[in-house]
C-alpha atoms as a PDB file:
ATOM      1  CA  MET A   1     -10.850 -23.190  -5.351  1.00  0.00           C
ATOM      2  CA  SER A   2     -10.125 -21.481  -8.767  1.00  0.00           C
ATOM      3  CA  LYS A   3      -7.192 -19.221  -9.158  1.00  0.00           C
ATOM      4  CA  ILE A   4      -7.980 -15.725  -9.635  1.00  0.00           C
ATOM      5  CA  ASN A   5      -6.708 -14.551 -13.081  1.00  0.00           C
ATOM      6  CA  LYS A   6      -4.571 -11.303 -12.303  1.00  0.00           C
ATOM      7  CA  LYS A   7      -4.497  -9.931 -15.918  1.00  0.00           C
ATOM      8  CA  LEU A   8      -6.422  -7.020 -16.768  1.00  0.00           C
ATOM      9  CA  ILE A   9      -8.490  -6.788 -19.698  1.00  0.00           C
ATOM     10  CA  SER A  10      -6.728  -4.480 -22.573  1.00  0.00           C
ATOM     11  CA  GLU A  11      -9.252  -1.432 -22.008  1.00  0.00           C
ATOM     12  CA  ARG A  12      -8.918  -1.429 -17.907  1.00  0.00           C
ATOM     13  CA  SER A  13      -5.025  -1.522 -18.649  1.00  0.00           C
ATOM     14  CA  GLU A  14      -5.347   1.614 -21.011  1.00  0.00           C
ATOM     15  CA  VAL A  15      -7.394   3.683 -18.141  1.00  0.00           C
ATOM     16  CA  LEU A  16      -5.304   2.470 -15.375  1.00  0.00           C
ATOM     17  CA  LEU A  17      -2.170   3.912 -17.511  1.00  0.00           C
ATOM     18  CA  ARG A  18      -3.722   7.035 -18.323  1.00  0.00           C
ATOM     19  CA  ILE A  19      -4.656   7.539 -14.433  1.00  0.00           C
ATOM     20  CA  LEU A  20      -1.288   6.609 -13.504  1.00  0.00           C
ATOM     21  CA  LYS A  21       0.457   9.049 -16.038  1.00  0.00           C
ATOM     22  CA  VAL A  22      -1.765  11.908 -14.902  1.00  0.00           C
ATOM     23  CA  ARG A  23      -0.945  11.274 -11.266  1.00  0.00           C
ATOM     24  CA  PHE A  24       2.856  10.981 -12.164  1.00  0.00           C
ATOM     25  CA  GLU A  25       2.691  14.637 -14.168  1.00  0.00           C
ATOM     26  CA  LYS A  26       0.823  15.878 -11.253  1.00  0.00           C
ATOM     27  CA  ASN A  27       3.209  14.826  -8.813  1.00  0.00           C
ATOM     28  CA  SER A  28       6.484  15.469 -10.258  1.00  0.00           C
ATOM     29  CA  LYS A  29       8.172  16.405  -7.032  1.00  0.00           C
ATOM     30  CA  ARG A  30       7.938  12.520  -5.946  1.00  0.00           C
ATOM     31  CA  HIS A  31      10.030  11.319  -8.874  1.00  0.00           C
ATOM     32  CA  LYS A  32      12.421  14.243 -10.342  1.00  0.00           C
ATOM     33  CA  GLY A  33      14.126  12.940 -12.992  1.00  0.00           C
ATOM     34  CA  PHE A  34      11.926   9.900 -13.980  1.00  0.00           C
ATOM     35  CA  GLU A  35      10.626   9.422 -17.436  1.00  0.00           C
ATOM     36  CA  TRP A  36       6.874   8.177 -17.932  1.00  0.00           C
ATOM     37  CA  GLY A  37       7.794   6.409 -20.860  1.00  0.00           C
ATOM     38  CA  LYS A  38      10.291   3.973 -19.550  1.00  0.00           C
ATOM     39  CA  ILE A  39       7.619   3.247 -16.677  1.00  0.00           C
ATOM     40  CA  ALA A  40       4.829   2.655 -18.940  1.00  0.00           C
ATOM     41  CA  VAL A  41       7.059   0.060 -21.087  1.00  0.00           C
ATOM     42  CA  LYS A  42       7.693  -1.711 -17.730  1.00  0.00           C
ATOM     43  CA  LEU A  43       4.457  -1.970 -16.782  1.00  0.00           C
ATOM     44  CA  LEU A  44       3.195  -3.140 -20.098  1.00  0.00           C
ATOM     45  CA  ALA A  45       5.868  -6.013 -19.898  1.00  0.00           C
ATOM     46  CA  LYS A  46       4.409  -6.940 -16.470  1.00  0.00           C
ATOM     47  CA  PRO A  47       0.653  -7.623 -16.644  1.00  0.00           C
ATOM     48  CA  GLU A  48       0.660  -9.163 -13.001  1.00  0.00           C
ATOM     49  CA  LYS A  49       2.134  -5.709 -11.788  1.00  0.00           C
ATOM     50  CA  MET A  50      -0.582  -3.937 -13.683  1.00  0.00           C
ATOM     51  CA  TRP A  51      -3.236  -5.855 -11.924  1.00  0.00           C
ATOM     52  CA  SER A  52      -1.793  -5.288  -8.561  1.00  0.00           C
ATOM     53  CA  LEU A  53      -1.491  -1.573  -9.382  1.00  0.00           C
ATOM     54  CA  ASN A  54      -5.360  -1.881 -10.265  1.00  0.00           C
ATOM     55  CA  GLU A  55      -6.175  -3.505  -7.060  1.00  0.00           C
ATOM     56  CA  MET A  56      -4.040  -0.734  -5.331  1.00  0.00           C
ATOM     57  CA  GLU A  57      -6.103   1.894  -7.064  1.00  0.00           C
ATOM     58  CA  LYS A  58      -9.625   0.308  -6.820  1.00  0.00           C
ATOM     59  CA  THR A  59      -9.324   0.183  -2.745  1.00  0.00           C
ATOM     60  CA  GLY A  60      -8.286   3.828  -2.955  1.00  0.00           C
ATOM     61  CA  GLY A  61      -4.419   3.791  -2.736  1.00  0.00           C
ATOM     62  CA  GLU A  62      -3.704   6.251  -5.497  1.00  0.00           C
ATOM     63  CA  PRO A  63      -0.352   4.468  -6.373  1.00  0.00           C
ATOM     64  CA  ASP A  64       2.285   6.567  -7.836  1.00  0.00           C
ATOM     65  CA  VAL A  65       6.026   6.061  -8.444  1.00  0.00           C
ATOM     66  CA  ILE A  66       8.535   7.233  -5.462  1.00  0.00           C
ATOM     67  CA  GLY A  67      11.672   5.849  -6.166  1.00  0.00           C
ATOM     68  CA  TYR A  68      14.161   3.518  -8.433  1.00  0.00           C
ATOM     69  CA  ASP A  69      16.091   0.891  -7.223  1.00  0.00           C
ATOM     70  CA  LYS A  70      19.039   0.651  -9.779  1.00  0.00           C
ATOM     71  CA  LYS A  71      20.356  -2.597  -8.479  1.00  0.00           C
ATOM     72  CA  MET A  72      17.099  -4.253  -9.175  1.00  0.00           C
ATOM     73  CA  ASP A  73      16.311  -1.935 -12.184  1.00  0.00           C
ATOM     74  CA  GLU A  74      12.799  -1.811 -10.341  1.00  0.00           C
ATOM     75  CA  TYR A  75      10.416   1.428  -9.895  1.00  0.00           C
ATOM     76  CA  ILE A  76       8.816   1.752  -6.745  1.00  0.00           C
ATOM     77  CA  PHE A  77       5.084   2.496  -6.208  1.00  0.00           C
ATOM     78  CA  PHE A  78       3.486   3.387  -2.994  1.00  0.00           C
ATOM     79  CA  ASP A  79      -0.106   4.172  -1.843  1.00  0.00           C
ATOM     80  CA  CYS A  80       0.135   8.181  -1.788  1.00  0.00           C
ATOM     81  CA  SER A  81      -3.473   8.659  -0.802  1.00  0.00           C
ATOM     82  CA  THR A  82      -3.808  11.300   1.537  1.00  0.00           C
ATOM     83  CA  GLU A  83      -5.371   9.190   4.013  1.00  0.00           C
ATOM     84  CA  SER A  84      -5.080   5.541   4.538  1.00  0.00           C
ATOM     85  CA  PRO A  85      -6.683   3.757   1.574  1.00  0.00           C
ATOM     86  CA  LYS A  86     -10.561   3.646   2.321  1.00  0.00           C
ATOM     87  CA  GLY A  87     -10.819   0.235   0.841  1.00  0.00           C
ATOM     88  CA  ARG A  88      -8.559  -1.111   3.101  1.00  0.00           C
ATOM     89  CA  ARG A  89      -9.685   0.223   6.524  1.00  0.00           C
ATOM     90  CA  SER A  90     -11.332  -1.689   9.454  1.00  0.00           C
ATOM     91  CA  VAL A  91      -9.118  -4.511   9.350  1.00  0.00           C
ATOM     92  CA  CYS A  92      -6.881  -6.549  11.756  1.00  0.00           C
ATOM     93  CA  TYR A  93      -3.023  -7.040  11.009  1.00  0.00           C
ATOM     94  CA  ASP A  94      -3.151 -10.423  10.283  1.00  0.00           C
ATOM     95  CA  ARG A  95      -4.981 -13.710  10.043  1.00  0.00           C
ATOM     96  CA  LYS A  96      -4.021 -14.700  13.796  1.00  0.00           C
ATOM     97  CA  GLY A  97      -5.025 -11.457  15.053  1.00  0.00           C
ATOM     98  CA  LEU A  98      -8.646 -11.935  13.096  1.00  0.00           C
ATOM     99  CA  GLU A  99      -8.770 -15.540  14.617  1.00  0.00           C
ATOM    100  CA  ALA A 100      -7.889 -14.284  17.932  1.00  0.00           C
ATOM    101  CA  ARG A 101     -11.186 -11.996  18.054  1.00  0.00           C
ATOM    102  CA  LYS A 102     -14.074 -13.542  19.941  1.00  0.00           C
ATOM    103  CA  LYS A 103     -16.892 -11.259  18.466  1.00  0.00           C
ATOM    104  CA  ASN A 104     -17.178  -8.110  16.367  1.00  0.00           C
ATOM    105  CA  LYS A 105     -14.663  -9.479  13.811  1.00  0.00           C
ATOM    106  CA  PRO A 106     -13.717  -7.369  10.899  1.00  0.00           C
ATOM    107  CA  GLU A 107     -14.308  -8.930   7.371  1.00  0.00           C
ATOM    108  CA  ASN A 108     -10.339  -9.212   6.580  1.00  0.00           C
ATOM    109  CA  ASN A 109      -6.619  -8.296   7.901  1.00  0.00           C
ATOM    110  CA  ALA A 110      -3.980  -6.671   6.151  1.00  0.00           C
ATOM    111  CA  ILE A 111      -1.542  -8.938   5.809  1.00  0.00           C
ATOM    112  CA  ASP A 112      -3.929 -11.382   3.605  1.00  0.00           C
ATOM    113  CA  MET A 113      -5.237  -8.329   1.702  1.00  0.00           C
ATOM    114  CA  ALA A 114      -2.045  -7.421   0.590  1.00  0.00           C
ATOM    115  CA  ALA A 115      -0.774 -10.849  -0.343  1.00  0.00           C
ATOM    116  CA  ASN A 116      -4.021 -11.206  -2.389  1.00  0.00           C
ATOM    117  CA  MET A 117      -3.330  -7.658  -4.147  1.00  0.00           C
ATOM    118  CA  GLY A 118       0.439  -8.952  -4.796  1.00  0.00           C
ATOM    119  CA  VAL A 119       1.726  -5.859  -2.725  1.00  0.00           C
ATOM    120  CA  GLU A 120       3.292  -5.328   0.606  1.00  0.00           C
ATOM    121  CA  LEU A 121       2.699  -3.492   3.504  1.00  0.00           C
ATOM    122  CA  LEU A 122       5.144  -0.592   3.940  1.00  0.00           C
ATOM    123  CA  SER A 123       7.896  -0.945   6.502  1.00  0.00           C
ATOM    124  CA  GLU A 124       8.643   1.667   9.161  1.00  0.00           C
ATOM    125  CA  ASP A 125      11.203   3.061   6.817  1.00  0.00           C
ATOM    126  CA  ASP A 126       9.159   2.843   3.755  1.00  0.00           C
ATOM    127  CA  TYR A 127       6.769   4.959   5.866  1.00  0.00           C
ATOM    128  CA  ARG A 128       9.059   7.537   6.862  1.00  0.00           C
ATOM    129  CA  GLU A 129      10.245   7.964   3.339  1.00  0.00           C
ATOM    130  CA  LEU A 130       6.595   8.254   2.060  1.00  0.00           C
ATOM    131  CA  GLN A 131       6.437  11.020   4.604  1.00  0.00           C
ATOM    132  CA  LYS A 132       8.899  13.178   3.231  1.00  0.00           C
ATOM    133  CA  LEU A 133       6.846  13.337   0.216  1.00  0.00           C
ATOM    134  CA  GLY A 134       3.739  15.131   1.516  1.00  0.00           C
ATOM    135  CA  LYS A 135       1.498  14.876   4.616  1.00  0.00           C
ATOM    136  CA  PHE A 136      -0.246  11.454   4.862  1.00  0.00           C
ATOM    137  CA  ASP A 137      -2.237  10.133   7.516  1.00  0.00           C
ATOM    138  CA  THR A 138      -3.021  13.131   9.362  1.00  0.00           C
ATOM    139  CA  LYS A 139      -6.671  12.084  10.266  1.00  0.00           C
ATOM    140  CA  THR A 140      -5.763   8.070   9.709  1.00  0.00           C
ATOM    141  CA  SER A 141      -3.523   5.827  10.470  1.00  0.00           C
ATOM    142  CA  SER A 142      -1.788   2.686   8.600  1.00  0.00           C
ATOM    143  CA  TRP A 143      -0.589  -0.607   9.687  1.00  0.00           C
ATOM    144  CA  ILE A 144       3.104  -1.295   9.031  1.00  0.00           C
ATOM    145  CA  LYS A 145       5.114  -4.321   8.540  1.00  0.00           C
ATOM    146  CA  THR A 146       5.687  -5.557  12.160  1.00  0.00           C
ATOM    147  CA  PRO A 147       8.905  -7.225  13.253  1.00  0.00           C
ATOM    148  CA  ALA A 148       8.757 -10.863  14.115  1.00  0.00           C
ATOM    149  CA  ASP A 149       9.614 -10.444  17.752  1.00  0.00           C
ATOM    150  CA  ILE A 150       6.636  -7.741  18.569  1.00  0.00           C
ATOM    151  CA  ARG A 151       4.275  -9.747  16.322  1.00  0.00           C
ATOM    152  CA  LYS A 152       5.189 -13.124  18.435  1.00  0.00           C
ATOM    153  CA  LEU A 153       4.149 -11.194  21.592  1.00  0.00           C
ATOM    154  CA  GLY A 154       0.757 -10.291  20.294  1.00  0.00           C
ATOM    155  CA  GLY A 155       1.635  -6.905  19.245  1.00  0.00           C
ATOM    156  CA  ALA A 156       1.593  -5.114  15.764  1.00  0.00           C
ATOM    157  CA  LEU A 157       2.888  -1.677  14.465  1.00  0.00           C
ATOM    158  CA  PHE A 158       0.780   1.111  12.754  1.00  0.00           C
ATOM    159  CA  ALA A 159       1.997   4.857  12.009  1.00  0.00           C
ATOM    160  CA  ASP A 160       0.578   8.069  11.402  1.00  0.00           C
ATOM    161  CA  ARG A 161       1.197  11.972  11.086  1.00  0.00           C
ATOM    162  CA  ARG A 162       0.204  14.275  13.864  1.00  0.00           C
ATOM    163  CA  TYR A 163       1.497  17.559  15.203  1.00  0.00           C
ATOM    164  CA  ASN A 164       3.680  17.750  11.708  1.00  0.00           C
ATOM    165  CA  LYS A 165       5.598  14.489  12.974  1.00  0.00           C
ATOM    166  CA  VAL A 166       5.417  10.876  12.156  1.00  0.00           C
ATOM    167  CA  PHE A 167       4.583   8.426  15.120  1.00  0.00           C
ATOM    168  CA  VAL A 168       4.970   4.684  15.126  1.00  0.00           C
ATOM    169  CA  TYR A 169       2.855   3.047  17.603  1.00  0.00           C
ATOM    170  CA  HIS A 170       1.859  -0.314  18.931  1.00  0.00           C
ATOM    171  CA  ASN A 171      -1.697  -2.180  19.299  1.00  0.00           C
ATOM    172  CA  SER A 172      -2.684  -5.774  19.383  1.00  0.00           C
ATOM    173  CA  ALA A 173      -2.955  -7.595  16.323  1.00  0.00           C
ATOM    174  CA  PRO A 174      -6.527  -8.188  16.771  1.00  0.00           C
ATOM    175  CA  SER A 175      -7.528  -4.712  17.104  1.00  0.00           C
ATOM    176  CA  TYR A 176      -9.004  -2.876  14.095  1.00  0.00           C
ATOM    177  CA  TYR A 177     -10.774   0.847  13.747  1.00  0.00           C
ATOM    178  CA  GLY A 178     -12.470   2.488  10.937  1.00  0.00           C
ATOM    179  CA  VAL A 179      -9.631   4.941  10.396  1.00  0.00           C
ATOM    180  CA  ARG A 180      -6.824   2.324  10.085  1.00  0.00           C
ATOM    181  CA  GLY A 181      -6.120   0.678   7.087  1.00  0.00           C
ATOM    182  CA  PHE A 182      -2.872  -0.011   5.210  1.00  0.00           C
ATOM    183  CA  ARG A 183      -0.336   1.299   2.790  1.00  0.00           C
ATOM    184  CA  SER A 184       1.364  -0.895   0.085  1.00  0.00           C
ATOM    185  CA  SER A 185       4.380  -0.835  -2.094  1.00  0.00           C
ATOM    186  CA  LEU A 186       4.938  -2.685  -5.559  1.00  0.00           C
ATOM    187  CA  ARG A 187       8.005  -2.904  -7.322  1.00  0.00           C
ATOM    188  CA  VAL A 188       7.817  -2.971 -11.328  1.00  0.00           C
END
């Protein structure tokens, strides 16, 4: 099995940087006080992170900077698409859930997709932080990181926003729905 080249061609890197810069400037309330120039320098120094951001973008995530970790000197990107990313919907929670399905198996699962993209699923805390920045998943839902004790019992967590409140629910990990995908985070 060949290893995937996780570097973008320079033309795609330039296009992606322009897309990210426009989104950054358009949504300044998500990252008050941040300077695009500093973020761009970090991105250009990390081609594998650019590749992951491109994966987030091409699956409909609309990644944007939402924070900065001073201790780790990392900018934090979240998927900021209004609804769960279209290119990541109709997936089970993880491989074990996918393998447990007897029929009507989806093509993939959230955990493997995220790992292949080089990103992490949002945690419950991450998801709640995202919701402070706007109204997300008002018509869809998103798988979120599930604690091991819940997963061990066959469950998985997902979240959405309804009635102007954020709700966290549970489902069996093999379940999947056309309106449920996953949101991700990336540190650069």
